[in-house]
Structure formats: structure tokens, C-alpha cells
N, C-alpha and C. Protein backbone atom coordinates (compact mmCIF):
# COMPACT_ATOMS: atom_id res chain seq x y z
N UNK A 1 -41.99 -27.59 22.32
CA UNK A 1 -41.00 -28.65 22.20
C UNK A 1 -39.64 -28.03 21.94
N UNK A 2 -38.66 -28.48 22.67
CA UNK A 2 -37.30 -27.94 22.53
C UNK A 2 -36.60 -28.61 21.35
N UNK A 3 -36.00 -27.77 20.51
CA UNK A 3 -35.25 -28.28 19.36
C UNK A 3 -33.77 -28.26 19.72
N UNK A 4 -33.10 -29.38 19.55
CA UNK A 4 -31.67 -29.45 19.84
C UNK A 4 -30.88 -28.76 18.76
N UNK A 5 -29.86 -28.04 19.17
CA UNK A 5 -28.99 -27.34 18.23
C UNK A 5 -27.74 -28.18 17.99
N UNK A 6 -27.46 -28.44 16.74
CA UNK A 6 -26.26 -29.19 16.38
C UNK A 6 -25.68 -28.61 15.10
N UNK A 7 -25.14 -27.38 15.18
CA UNK A 7 -24.65 -26.74 13.96
C UNK A 7 -23.46 -27.46 13.37
N UNK A 8 -23.36 -27.43 12.07
CA UNK A 8 -22.22 -28.01 11.37
C UNK A 8 -20.97 -27.18 11.65
N UNK A 9 -21.15 -25.87 11.75
CA UNK A 9 -20.03 -24.96 11.98
C UNK A 9 -20.48 -23.87 12.93
N UNK A 10 -19.73 -23.64 14.00
CA UNK A 10 -20.03 -22.58 14.96
C UNK A 10 -18.89 -21.58 14.97
N UNK A 11 -19.14 -20.32 15.32
CA UNK A 11 -18.06 -19.35 15.36
C UNK A 11 -17.03 -19.72 16.42
N UNK A 12 -15.76 -19.73 16.02
CA UNK A 12 -14.66 -20.07 16.93
C UNK A 12 -13.53 -19.06 16.88
N UNK A 13 -13.47 -18.26 15.84
CA UNK A 13 -12.35 -17.36 15.64
C UNK A 13 -12.82 -15.91 15.80
N UNK A 14 -11.92 -15.00 16.19
CA UNK A 14 -12.33 -13.60 16.41
C UNK A 14 -13.00 -12.96 15.20
N UNK A 15 -12.54 -13.28 14.01
CA UNK A 15 -13.12 -12.67 12.80
C UNK A 15 -14.49 -13.22 12.48
N UNK A 16 -14.90 -14.31 13.10
CA UNK A 16 -16.21 -14.89 12.85
C UNK A 16 -17.30 -14.26 13.71
N UNK A 17 -16.91 -13.39 14.63
CA UNK A 17 -17.90 -12.76 15.49
C UNK A 17 -18.61 -13.80 16.34
N UNK A 18 -19.93 -13.68 16.42
CA UNK A 18 -20.69 -14.65 17.21
C UNK A 18 -21.73 -15.39 16.38
N UNK A 19 -21.57 -15.33 15.04
CA UNK A 19 -22.53 -16.02 14.17
C UNK A 19 -21.86 -16.46 12.88
N UNK A 20 -22.18 -17.67 12.47
CA UNK A 20 -21.76 -18.19 11.17
C UNK A 20 -23.02 -18.30 10.34
N UNK A 21 -23.01 -17.66 9.15
CA UNK A 21 -24.23 -17.65 8.34
C UNK A 21 -23.93 -17.82 6.86
N UNK A 22 -24.97 -18.13 6.12
CA UNK A 22 -24.92 -18.24 4.67
C UNK A 22 -23.93 -19.28 4.16
N UNK A 23 -23.77 -20.37 4.89
CA UNK A 23 -22.87 -21.41 4.42
C UNK A 23 -23.47 -22.21 3.29
N UNK A 24 -22.67 -22.48 2.28
CA UNK A 24 -23.09 -23.40 1.22
C UNK A 24 -21.89 -24.23 0.83
N UNK A 25 -22.16 -25.43 0.32
CA UNK A 25 -21.12 -26.43 0.15
C UNK A 25 -21.07 -26.94 -1.28
N UNK A 26 -19.84 -27.14 -1.76
CA UNK A 26 -19.59 -27.73 -3.07
C UNK A 26 -18.55 -28.83 -2.86
N UNK A 27 -18.72 -29.97 -3.54
CA UNK A 27 -17.67 -30.99 -3.53
C UNK A 27 -16.76 -30.74 -4.71
N UNK A 28 -15.47 -30.62 -4.44
CA UNK A 28 -14.47 -30.34 -5.47
C UNK A 28 -13.74 -31.64 -5.82
N UNK A 29 -14.02 -32.17 -7.00
CA UNK A 29 -13.38 -33.41 -7.44
C UNK A 29 -11.86 -33.29 -7.56
N UNK A 30 -11.37 -32.09 -7.87
CA UNK A 30 -9.93 -31.93 -8.11
C UNK A 30 -9.10 -32.21 -6.86
N UNK A 31 -9.59 -31.88 -5.68
CA UNK A 31 -8.84 -32.17 -4.46
C UNK A 31 -9.63 -33.05 -3.48
N UNK A 32 -10.77 -33.58 -3.94
CA UNK A 32 -11.59 -34.50 -3.15
C UNK A 32 -11.97 -33.92 -1.78
N UNK A 33 -12.36 -32.64 -1.79
CA UNK A 33 -12.77 -31.98 -0.56
C UNK A 33 -14.14 -31.32 -0.73
N UNK A 34 -14.91 -31.35 0.34
CA UNK A 34 -16.08 -30.50 0.42
C UNK A 34 -15.57 -29.12 0.81
N UNK A 35 -16.11 -28.08 0.18
CA UNK A 35 -15.71 -26.71 0.50
C UNK A 35 -16.97 -25.94 0.88
N UNK A 36 -16.88 -25.25 2.03
CA UNK A 36 -18.00 -24.45 2.50
C UNK A 36 -17.55 -22.99 2.58
N UNK A 37 -18.24 -22.14 1.86
CA UNK A 37 -18.02 -20.71 1.95
C UNK A 37 -19.11 -20.16 2.86
N UNK A 38 -18.71 -19.42 3.86
CA UNK A 38 -19.66 -18.90 4.83
C UNK A 38 -19.22 -17.50 5.26
N UNK A 39 -20.08 -16.83 6.00
CA UNK A 39 -19.77 -15.50 6.49
C UNK A 39 -19.80 -15.52 8.01
N UNK A 40 -18.75 -14.98 8.61
CA UNK A 40 -18.74 -14.73 10.05
C UNK A 40 -19.30 -13.34 10.29
N UNK A 41 -20.11 -13.19 11.31
CA UNK A 41 -20.78 -11.90 11.55
C UNK A 41 -20.93 -11.68 13.04
N UNK A 42 -20.76 -10.44 13.46
CA UNK A 42 -20.97 -10.07 14.86
C UNK A 42 -22.37 -9.50 15.01
N UNK A 43 -23.21 -10.17 15.81
CA UNK A 43 -24.54 -9.67 16.12
C UNK A 43 -24.57 -9.23 17.57
N UNK A 44 -25.34 -8.24 17.87
CA UNK A 44 -25.42 -7.70 19.20
C UNK A 44 -26.54 -8.37 19.97
N UNK A 45 -26.20 -9.01 21.08
CA UNK A 45 -27.23 -9.66 21.89
C UNK A 45 -28.15 -8.63 22.54
N UNK A 46 -27.58 -7.49 22.93
CA UNK A 46 -28.42 -6.49 23.59
C UNK A 46 -29.38 -5.80 22.63
N UNK A 47 -29.10 -5.85 21.32
CA UNK A 47 -30.00 -5.24 20.36
C UNK A 47 -31.03 -6.23 19.83
N UNK A 48 -30.87 -7.49 20.14
CA UNK A 48 -31.80 -8.50 19.66
C UNK A 48 -31.22 -9.24 18.47
N UNK A 49 -31.76 -10.39 18.18
CA UNK A 49 -31.26 -11.21 17.08
C UNK A 49 -31.35 -10.48 15.76
N UNK A 50 -30.33 -10.65 14.94
CA UNK A 50 -30.35 -10.11 13.59
C UNK A 50 -29.90 -8.67 13.47
N UNK A 51 -29.57 -8.01 14.57
CA UNK A 51 -29.11 -6.63 14.48
C UNK A 51 -27.60 -6.59 14.65
N UNK A 52 -26.96 -5.86 13.79
CA UNK A 52 -25.50 -5.81 13.76
C UNK A 52 -25.00 -4.72 14.70
N UNK A 53 -23.92 -5.02 15.40
CA UNK A 53 -23.27 -3.99 16.21
C UNK A 53 -22.64 -2.99 15.26
N UNK A 54 -22.95 -1.73 15.42
CA UNK A 54 -22.36 -0.70 14.57
C UNK A 54 -21.62 0.27 15.47
N UNK A 55 -20.32 0.41 15.22
CA UNK A 55 -19.50 1.37 15.96
C UNK A 55 -18.95 2.35 14.95
N UNK A 56 -19.29 3.60 15.11
CA UNK A 56 -18.85 4.59 14.14
C UNK A 56 -19.59 4.34 12.84
N UNK A 57 -18.85 4.13 11.77
CA UNK A 57 -19.47 3.96 10.46
C UNK A 57 -19.47 2.50 9.99
N UNK A 58 -18.77 1.60 10.69
CA UNK A 58 -18.63 0.24 10.19
C UNK A 58 -18.97 -0.78 11.26
N UNK A 59 -19.38 -1.94 10.81
CA UNK A 59 -19.65 -3.04 11.73
C UNK A 59 -18.32 -3.50 12.32
N UNK A 60 -18.33 -4.02 13.54
CA UNK A 60 -17.11 -4.42 14.24
C UNK A 60 -17.28 -5.80 14.82
N UNK A 61 -16.64 -6.83 14.27
CA UNK A 61 -15.94 -6.77 12.98
C UNK A 61 -16.96 -6.79 11.84
N UNK A 62 -16.52 -6.40 10.63
CA UNK A 62 -17.44 -6.44 9.50
C UNK A 62 -17.75 -7.89 9.13
N UNK A 63 -18.81 -8.13 8.35
CA UNK A 63 -19.05 -9.50 7.88
C UNK A 63 -17.81 -9.99 7.14
N UNK A 64 -17.39 -11.21 7.47
CA UNK A 64 -16.13 -11.73 6.95
C UNK A 64 -16.37 -13.02 6.17
N UNK A 65 -15.99 -13.06 4.88
CA UNK A 65 -16.17 -14.27 4.08
C UNK A 65 -15.04 -15.27 4.35
N UNK A 66 -15.42 -16.48 4.70
CA UNK A 66 -14.45 -17.50 5.10
C UNK A 66 -14.68 -18.81 4.34
N UNK A 67 -13.65 -19.67 4.39
CA UNK A 67 -13.72 -21.00 3.78
C UNK A 67 -13.44 -22.06 4.82
N UNK A 68 -14.24 -23.11 4.82
CA UNK A 68 -13.99 -24.30 5.62
C UNK A 68 -13.94 -25.48 4.66
N UNK A 69 -13.16 -26.50 5.00
CA UNK A 69 -13.05 -27.69 4.15
C UNK A 69 -13.30 -28.95 4.97
N UNK A 70 -13.70 -30.00 4.27
CA UNK A 70 -13.99 -31.26 4.94
C UNK A 70 -13.77 -32.42 3.98
N UNK A 71 -13.26 -33.52 4.51
CA UNK A 71 -13.11 -34.73 3.70
C UNK A 71 -14.39 -35.54 3.67
N UNK A 72 -15.22 -35.41 4.72
CA UNK A 72 -16.42 -36.24 4.82
C UNK A 72 -17.73 -35.45 4.84
N UNK A 73 -17.66 -34.12 4.89
CA UNK A 73 -18.87 -33.31 4.94
C UNK A 73 -19.47 -33.20 6.32
N UNK A 74 -18.81 -33.78 7.33
CA UNK A 74 -19.30 -33.73 8.71
C UNK A 74 -18.34 -32.95 9.60
N UNK A 75 -17.07 -33.31 9.55
CA UNK A 75 -16.04 -32.63 10.34
C UNK A 75 -15.36 -31.58 9.45
N UNK A 76 -15.33 -30.33 9.94
CA UNK A 76 -14.85 -29.21 9.13
C UNK A 76 -13.60 -28.58 9.72
N UNK A 77 -12.69 -28.19 8.84
CA UNK A 77 -11.47 -27.48 9.23
C UNK A 77 -11.49 -26.10 8.60
N UNK A 78 -10.82 -25.19 9.26
CA UNK A 78 -10.66 -23.83 8.74
C UNK A 78 -9.21 -23.69 8.28
N UNK A 79 -8.96 -23.85 6.98
CA UNK A 79 -7.57 -23.80 6.51
C UNK A 79 -6.99 -22.40 6.61
N UNK A 80 -5.72 -22.32 6.94
CA UNK A 80 -5.03 -21.04 6.96
C UNK A 80 -4.73 -20.65 5.52
N UNK A 81 -5.47 -19.69 5.01
CA UNK A 81 -5.32 -19.28 3.61
C UNK A 81 -4.23 -18.23 3.42
N UNK A 82 -3.99 -17.39 4.42
CA UNK A 82 -2.97 -16.36 4.33
C UNK A 82 -3.25 -15.29 3.30
N UNK A 83 -4.50 -15.07 2.95
CA UNK A 83 -4.85 -14.14 1.88
C UNK A 83 -5.21 -12.74 2.36
N UNK A 84 -5.84 -12.64 3.52
CA UNK A 84 -6.39 -11.37 4.00
C UNK A 84 -5.88 -11.09 5.40
N UNK A 85 -5.48 -9.85 5.62
CA UNK A 85 -5.03 -9.47 6.95
C UNK A 85 -6.23 -9.11 7.82
N UNK A 86 -6.26 -9.66 9.02
CA UNK A 86 -7.29 -9.34 10.00
C UNK A 86 -6.58 -9.00 11.30
N UNK A 87 -6.71 -7.75 11.73
CA UNK A 87 -6.10 -7.27 12.96
C UNK A 87 -4.61 -7.64 13.04
N UNK A 88 -3.91 -7.38 11.93
CA UNK A 88 -2.46 -7.54 11.90
C UNK A 88 -1.93 -8.92 11.56
N UNK A 89 -2.80 -9.86 11.24
CA UNK A 89 -2.34 -11.22 10.93
C UNK A 89 -3.06 -11.78 9.71
N UNK A 90 -2.33 -12.57 8.93
CA UNK A 90 -2.91 -13.28 7.79
C UNK A 90 -3.16 -14.75 8.13
N UNK A 91 -3.01 -15.11 9.37
CA UNK A 91 -3.22 -16.49 9.83
C UNK A 91 -4.72 -16.69 10.06
N UNK A 92 -5.44 -16.91 8.94
CA UNK A 92 -6.89 -17.05 9.03
C UNK A 92 -7.43 -17.72 7.76
N UNK A 93 -8.72 -17.95 7.74
CA UNK A 93 -9.38 -18.59 6.60
C UNK A 93 -10.27 -17.62 5.84
N UNK A 94 -9.97 -16.33 5.92
CA UNK A 94 -10.72 -15.31 5.20
C UNK A 94 -10.25 -15.30 3.74
N UNK A 95 -11.19 -15.29 2.79
CA UNK A 95 -10.77 -15.37 1.39
C UNK A 95 -10.95 -14.09 0.60
N UNK A 96 -11.61 -13.07 1.14
CA UNK A 96 -11.88 -11.90 0.33
C UNK A 96 -12.21 -10.70 1.21
N UNK A 97 -11.85 -9.51 0.73
CA UNK A 97 -12.29 -8.27 1.36
C UNK A 97 -13.08 -7.49 0.31
N UNK A 98 -13.62 -6.38 0.69
CA UNK A 98 -14.32 -5.53 -0.25
C UNK A 98 -13.43 -4.46 -0.88
N UNK A 99 -12.10 -4.54 -0.66
CA UNK A 99 -11.20 -3.50 -1.13
C UNK A 99 -11.20 -3.33 -2.64
N UNK A 100 -11.12 -4.41 -3.39
CA UNK A 100 -11.08 -4.30 -4.86
C UNK A 100 -12.40 -3.74 -5.39
N UNK A 101 -13.50 -4.21 -4.84
CA UNK A 101 -14.81 -3.71 -5.28
C UNK A 101 -14.94 -2.23 -4.93
N UNK A 102 -14.47 -1.85 -3.76
CA UNK A 102 -14.54 -0.46 -3.36
C UNK A 102 -13.73 0.43 -4.30
N UNK A 103 -12.54 -0.02 -4.65
CA UNK A 103 -11.70 0.75 -5.58
C UNK A 103 -12.35 0.84 -6.96
N UNK A 104 -12.90 -0.28 -7.42
CA UNK A 104 -13.52 -0.32 -8.75
C UNK A 104 -14.72 0.61 -8.85
N UNK A 105 -15.48 0.73 -7.77
CA UNK A 105 -16.71 1.52 -7.81
C UNK A 105 -16.64 2.75 -6.90
N UNK A 106 -15.45 3.29 -6.74
CA UNK A 106 -15.24 4.56 -6.03
C UNK A 106 -15.93 4.60 -4.67
N UNK A 107 -15.75 3.52 -3.89
CA UNK A 107 -16.30 3.48 -2.54
C UNK A 107 -17.77 3.18 -2.44
N UNK A 108 -18.43 2.95 -3.55
CA UNK A 108 -19.88 2.70 -3.52
C UNK A 108 -20.22 1.24 -3.26
N UNK A 109 -19.25 0.35 -3.39
CA UNK A 109 -19.46 -1.08 -3.16
C UNK A 109 -18.33 -1.55 -2.25
N UNK A 110 -18.67 -1.96 -1.03
CA UNK A 110 -17.63 -2.35 -0.08
C UNK A 110 -17.88 -3.69 0.60
N UNK A 111 -19.10 -4.14 0.67
CA UNK A 111 -19.37 -5.40 1.34
C UNK A 111 -20.63 -6.03 0.74
N UNK A 112 -20.92 -7.24 1.14
CA UNK A 112 -22.07 -7.92 0.58
C UNK A 112 -23.01 -8.40 1.66
N UNK A 113 -24.20 -8.67 1.19
CA UNK A 113 -25.22 -9.26 2.03
C UNK A 113 -25.68 -10.51 1.31
N UNK A 114 -24.85 -11.52 1.37
CA UNK A 114 -25.17 -12.80 0.73
C UNK A 114 -24.33 -13.06 -0.49
N UNK A 115 -23.83 -14.28 -0.58
CA UNK A 115 -23.05 -14.70 -1.73
C UNK A 115 -23.23 -16.20 -1.93
N UNK A 116 -23.07 -16.61 -3.18
CA UNK A 116 -23.10 -18.03 -3.54
C UNK A 116 -21.93 -18.30 -4.45
N UNK A 117 -21.22 -19.37 -4.18
CA UNK A 117 -20.10 -19.77 -5.03
C UNK A 117 -20.43 -21.12 -5.62
N UNK A 118 -20.27 -21.24 -6.93
CA UNK A 118 -20.52 -22.50 -7.63
C UNK A 118 -19.28 -22.89 -8.42
N UNK A 119 -19.12 -24.18 -8.60
CA UNK A 119 -18.04 -24.71 -9.44
C UNK A 119 -18.69 -25.13 -10.76
N UNK A 120 -18.24 -24.49 -11.85
CA UNK A 120 -18.82 -24.72 -13.16
C UNK A 120 -17.98 -25.76 -13.90
N UNK A 121 -18.46 -26.99 -13.92
CA UNK A 121 -17.73 -28.10 -14.54
C UNK A 121 -17.63 -27.96 -16.05
N UNK A 122 -18.51 -27.19 -16.65
CA UNK A 122 -18.50 -27.04 -18.10
C UNK A 122 -17.71 -25.81 -18.58
N UNK A 123 -17.18 -25.03 -17.64
CA UNK A 123 -16.41 -23.85 -18.00
C UNK A 123 -15.09 -24.27 -18.65
N UNK A 124 -14.85 -23.80 -19.87
CA UNK A 124 -13.63 -24.15 -20.59
C UNK A 124 -12.41 -23.39 -20.09
N UNK A 125 -12.61 -22.18 -19.60
CA UNK A 125 -11.50 -21.38 -19.10
C UNK A 125 -11.26 -21.73 -17.62
N UNK A 126 -10.14 -22.36 -17.29
CA UNK A 126 -9.90 -22.76 -15.89
C UNK A 126 -9.81 -21.58 -14.93
N UNK A 127 -9.53 -20.38 -15.43
CA UNK A 127 -9.48 -19.19 -14.58
C UNK A 127 -10.87 -18.74 -14.15
N UNK A 128 -11.91 -19.30 -14.79
CA UNK A 128 -13.29 -18.94 -14.46
C UNK A 128 -14.09 -20.14 -13.95
N UNK A 129 -13.40 -21.16 -13.46
CA UNK A 129 -14.05 -22.39 -13.00
C UNK A 129 -15.05 -22.11 -11.88
N UNK A 130 -14.67 -21.26 -10.93
CA UNK A 130 -15.57 -20.91 -9.83
C UNK A 130 -16.19 -19.55 -10.10
N UNK A 131 -17.46 -19.44 -9.74
CA UNK A 131 -18.18 -18.20 -9.93
C UNK A 131 -18.84 -17.81 -8.61
N UNK A 132 -18.62 -16.57 -8.20
CA UNK A 132 -19.29 -16.05 -7.01
C UNK A 132 -20.33 -15.03 -7.46
N UNK A 133 -21.54 -15.27 -7.06
CA UNK A 133 -22.64 -14.36 -7.32
C UNK A 133 -22.98 -13.74 -5.97
N UNK A 134 -22.93 -12.41 -5.90
CA UNK A 134 -23.13 -11.77 -4.60
C UNK A 134 -23.90 -10.46 -4.73
N UNK A 135 -24.61 -10.17 -3.68
CA UNK A 135 -25.27 -8.87 -3.58
C UNK A 135 -24.26 -7.94 -2.90
N UNK A 136 -23.76 -6.96 -3.64
CA UNK A 136 -22.77 -6.02 -3.12
C UNK A 136 -23.42 -4.66 -2.91
N UNK A 137 -22.97 -4.00 -1.87
CA UNK A 137 -23.40 -2.64 -1.58
C UNK A 137 -22.37 -2.03 -0.63
N UNK A 138 -22.59 -0.80 -0.26
CA UNK A 138 -21.82 -0.20 0.83
C UNK A 138 -22.76 -0.10 2.03
N UNK A 139 -22.21 -0.27 3.21
CA UNK A 139 -23.04 -0.14 4.41
C UNK A 139 -23.63 1.26 4.51
N UNK A 140 -23.06 2.21 3.78
CA UNK A 140 -23.56 3.59 3.82
C UNK A 140 -24.92 3.77 3.15
N UNK A 141 -25.40 2.79 2.39
CA UNK A 141 -26.73 2.96 1.79
C UNK A 141 -27.79 3.18 2.87
N UNK A 142 -27.51 2.70 4.06
CA UNK A 142 -28.49 2.79 5.15
C UNK A 142 -28.24 3.99 6.06
N UNK A 143 -27.22 4.80 5.77
CA UNK A 143 -26.87 5.90 6.67
C UNK A 143 -28.02 6.85 6.95
N UNK A 144 -28.75 7.24 5.93
CA UNK A 144 -29.84 8.20 6.13
C UNK A 144 -31.15 7.51 6.51
N UNK A 145 -31.42 6.36 5.92
CA UNK A 145 -32.71 5.70 6.17
C UNK A 145 -32.79 5.08 7.56
N UNK A 146 -31.71 4.44 8.01
CA UNK A 146 -31.74 3.76 9.30
C UNK A 146 -31.05 4.57 10.39
N UNK A 147 -29.84 5.05 10.09
CA UNK A 147 -29.02 5.70 11.10
C UNK A 147 -29.24 7.21 11.20
N UNK A 148 -30.06 7.76 10.29
CA UNK A 148 -30.43 9.19 10.31
C UNK A 148 -29.20 10.09 10.37
N UNK A 149 -28.20 9.81 9.51
CA UNK A 149 -26.95 10.59 9.52
C UNK A 149 -27.00 11.82 8.62
N UNK A 150 -28.02 11.94 7.82
CA UNK A 150 -28.21 13.12 6.98
C UNK A 150 -27.02 13.39 6.05
N UNK A 151 -26.58 12.35 5.37
CA UNK A 151 -25.51 12.50 4.38
C UNK A 151 -26.07 13.18 3.13
N UNK A 152 -25.21 13.83 2.33
CA UNK A 152 -25.70 14.51 1.12
C UNK A 152 -26.45 13.54 0.20
N UNK A 153 -27.57 14.00 -0.32
CA UNK A 153 -28.42 13.16 -1.18
C UNK A 153 -27.66 12.68 -2.42
N UNK A 154 -26.75 13.49 -2.95
CA UNK A 154 -25.94 13.09 -4.12
C UNK A 154 -25.13 11.83 -3.80
N UNK A 155 -24.53 11.77 -2.62
CA UNK A 155 -23.78 10.57 -2.21
C UNK A 155 -24.71 9.38 -2.07
N UNK A 156 -25.86 9.60 -1.45
CA UNK A 156 -26.80 8.50 -1.24
C UNK A 156 -27.29 7.93 -2.57
N UNK A 157 -27.51 8.78 -3.55
CA UNK A 157 -27.93 8.31 -4.87
C UNK A 157 -26.85 7.44 -5.51
N UNK A 158 -25.59 7.82 -5.38
CA UNK A 158 -24.48 7.01 -5.91
C UNK A 158 -24.45 5.65 -5.22
N UNK A 159 -24.58 5.65 -3.90
CA UNK A 159 -24.54 4.38 -3.15
C UNK A 159 -25.65 3.45 -3.59
N UNK A 160 -26.87 3.99 -3.70
CA UNK A 160 -28.02 3.16 -4.09
C UNK A 160 -27.91 2.69 -5.54
N UNK A 161 -27.32 3.49 -6.41
CA UNK A 161 -27.19 3.12 -7.83
C UNK A 161 -26.28 1.91 -8.02
N UNK A 162 -25.33 1.70 -7.10
CA UNK A 162 -24.39 0.58 -7.23
C UNK A 162 -24.80 -0.64 -6.42
N UNK A 163 -25.85 -0.55 -5.66
CA UNK A 163 -26.35 -1.68 -4.87
C UNK A 163 -26.96 -2.67 -5.83
N UNK A 164 -26.29 -3.83 -6.02
CA UNK A 164 -26.72 -4.76 -7.07
C UNK A 164 -26.10 -6.13 -6.88
N UNK A 165 -26.50 -7.06 -7.76
CA UNK A 165 -25.89 -8.39 -7.81
C UNK A 165 -24.73 -8.35 -8.79
N UNK A 166 -23.60 -8.91 -8.38
CA UNK A 166 -22.40 -8.93 -9.22
C UNK A 166 -21.89 -10.36 -9.31
N UNK A 167 -21.15 -10.66 -10.38
CA UNK A 167 -20.53 -11.97 -10.54
C UNK A 167 -19.02 -11.79 -10.64
N UNK A 168 -18.30 -12.67 -9.96
CA UNK A 168 -16.84 -12.66 -9.94
C UNK A 168 -16.36 -14.06 -10.26
N UNK A 169 -15.21 -14.18 -10.87
CA UNK A 169 -14.67 -15.48 -11.29
C UNK A 169 -13.33 -15.74 -10.60
N UNK A 170 -13.02 -17.03 -10.44
CA UNK A 170 -11.69 -17.41 -9.95
C UNK A 170 -11.41 -18.87 -10.33
N UNK A 171 -10.16 -19.27 -10.33
CA UNK A 171 -9.82 -20.65 -10.67
C UNK A 171 -10.06 -21.63 -9.52
N UNK A 172 -10.12 -21.11 -8.25
CA UNK A 172 -10.13 -22.00 -7.10
C UNK A 172 -11.18 -21.68 -6.04
N UNK A 173 -12.05 -20.73 -6.31
CA UNK A 173 -13.06 -20.36 -5.34
C UNK A 173 -12.57 -19.39 -4.28
N UNK A 174 -11.34 -18.93 -4.44
CA UNK A 174 -10.79 -17.99 -3.48
C UNK A 174 -10.57 -16.64 -4.11
């Protein structure tokens, strides 16, 4: 039996690659909007579903965290956030890069494989109203196991030691 596809959000922008994944939605009473945080990802059709195109050392484009908003939860817009540069422009809905995490953990944490953002109505500190819980790692953790790059074991141990779940706070989910 054929199942009809009717996605709520499909990739439309270059930074979204060819797949939209891990979307989750929160209704924000403060601005009366549904907010969906999702990841745009480029998957390779020739490699089969679920395999990422890898060029050199990084995915192209890398998984990109984005925000979509909706007044009714059915029709979604991609607001221009102006926060992150993508290929020379900040005209996009990308809300975060791995740069701060990479700097904090000396290159051992650069991207994530899954994130959840929640709005904590009981949080007294407005700067911590939104919480992002994410699995962070560097794509290099797989260099020796999958890509057989034979990187120094000392580096690989550092990468694996920082592969973990982290929590981040913000006042607005961005």
C-alpha cells in the first residue's frame, strides 16, 4: 500500500540540504507563535538513505540548526534571523553554529546529532527560559572507525571523551 507523503516542512533553502529532520515544536505564549527547531541535512542519494555526503573532513553542507514559526501550527515560515553566516550571507533562519562549543572544548565538540529545545515556564531567570539539550561531538570521532583515516590515538581519545549530552540556556530559544 502506498503511503502519501505530506511533510509539515520540506527542505527549500541551500543550507537545509535535501532533508529536514528532528523537528520539534513548542507554543510560545509570549509571542503567540508555534516554534519549530529542526535540522537541515544533506544526504547522498547515491550512497543510500541516511548516509551523509562527506567531502574532505566535513559534511557539505554540515547539519544546520534552523527555526521555523507558525501562527496555526500548519503553515510554517522561516524567519530571517540574521544570526549565522552561511556562504557569505546572514539572510537565513539558522540559529546556532558549533563555533562556541568548539572553542570551549578545544575542537573536541563541533556539531550535534540531535537536540531538543524546551520552554521552561517555571524558570525564574528569564535568561534561562529556554533550554537546549543536545548530543554534541566532533565529526572526527568517526575518522578512524568509519573513514579509516588513522589519526593519532591520543586525539581520538580526546574526541571520544567529549562526546556527550550538554545543556545550553537562552532567553528566546535562539
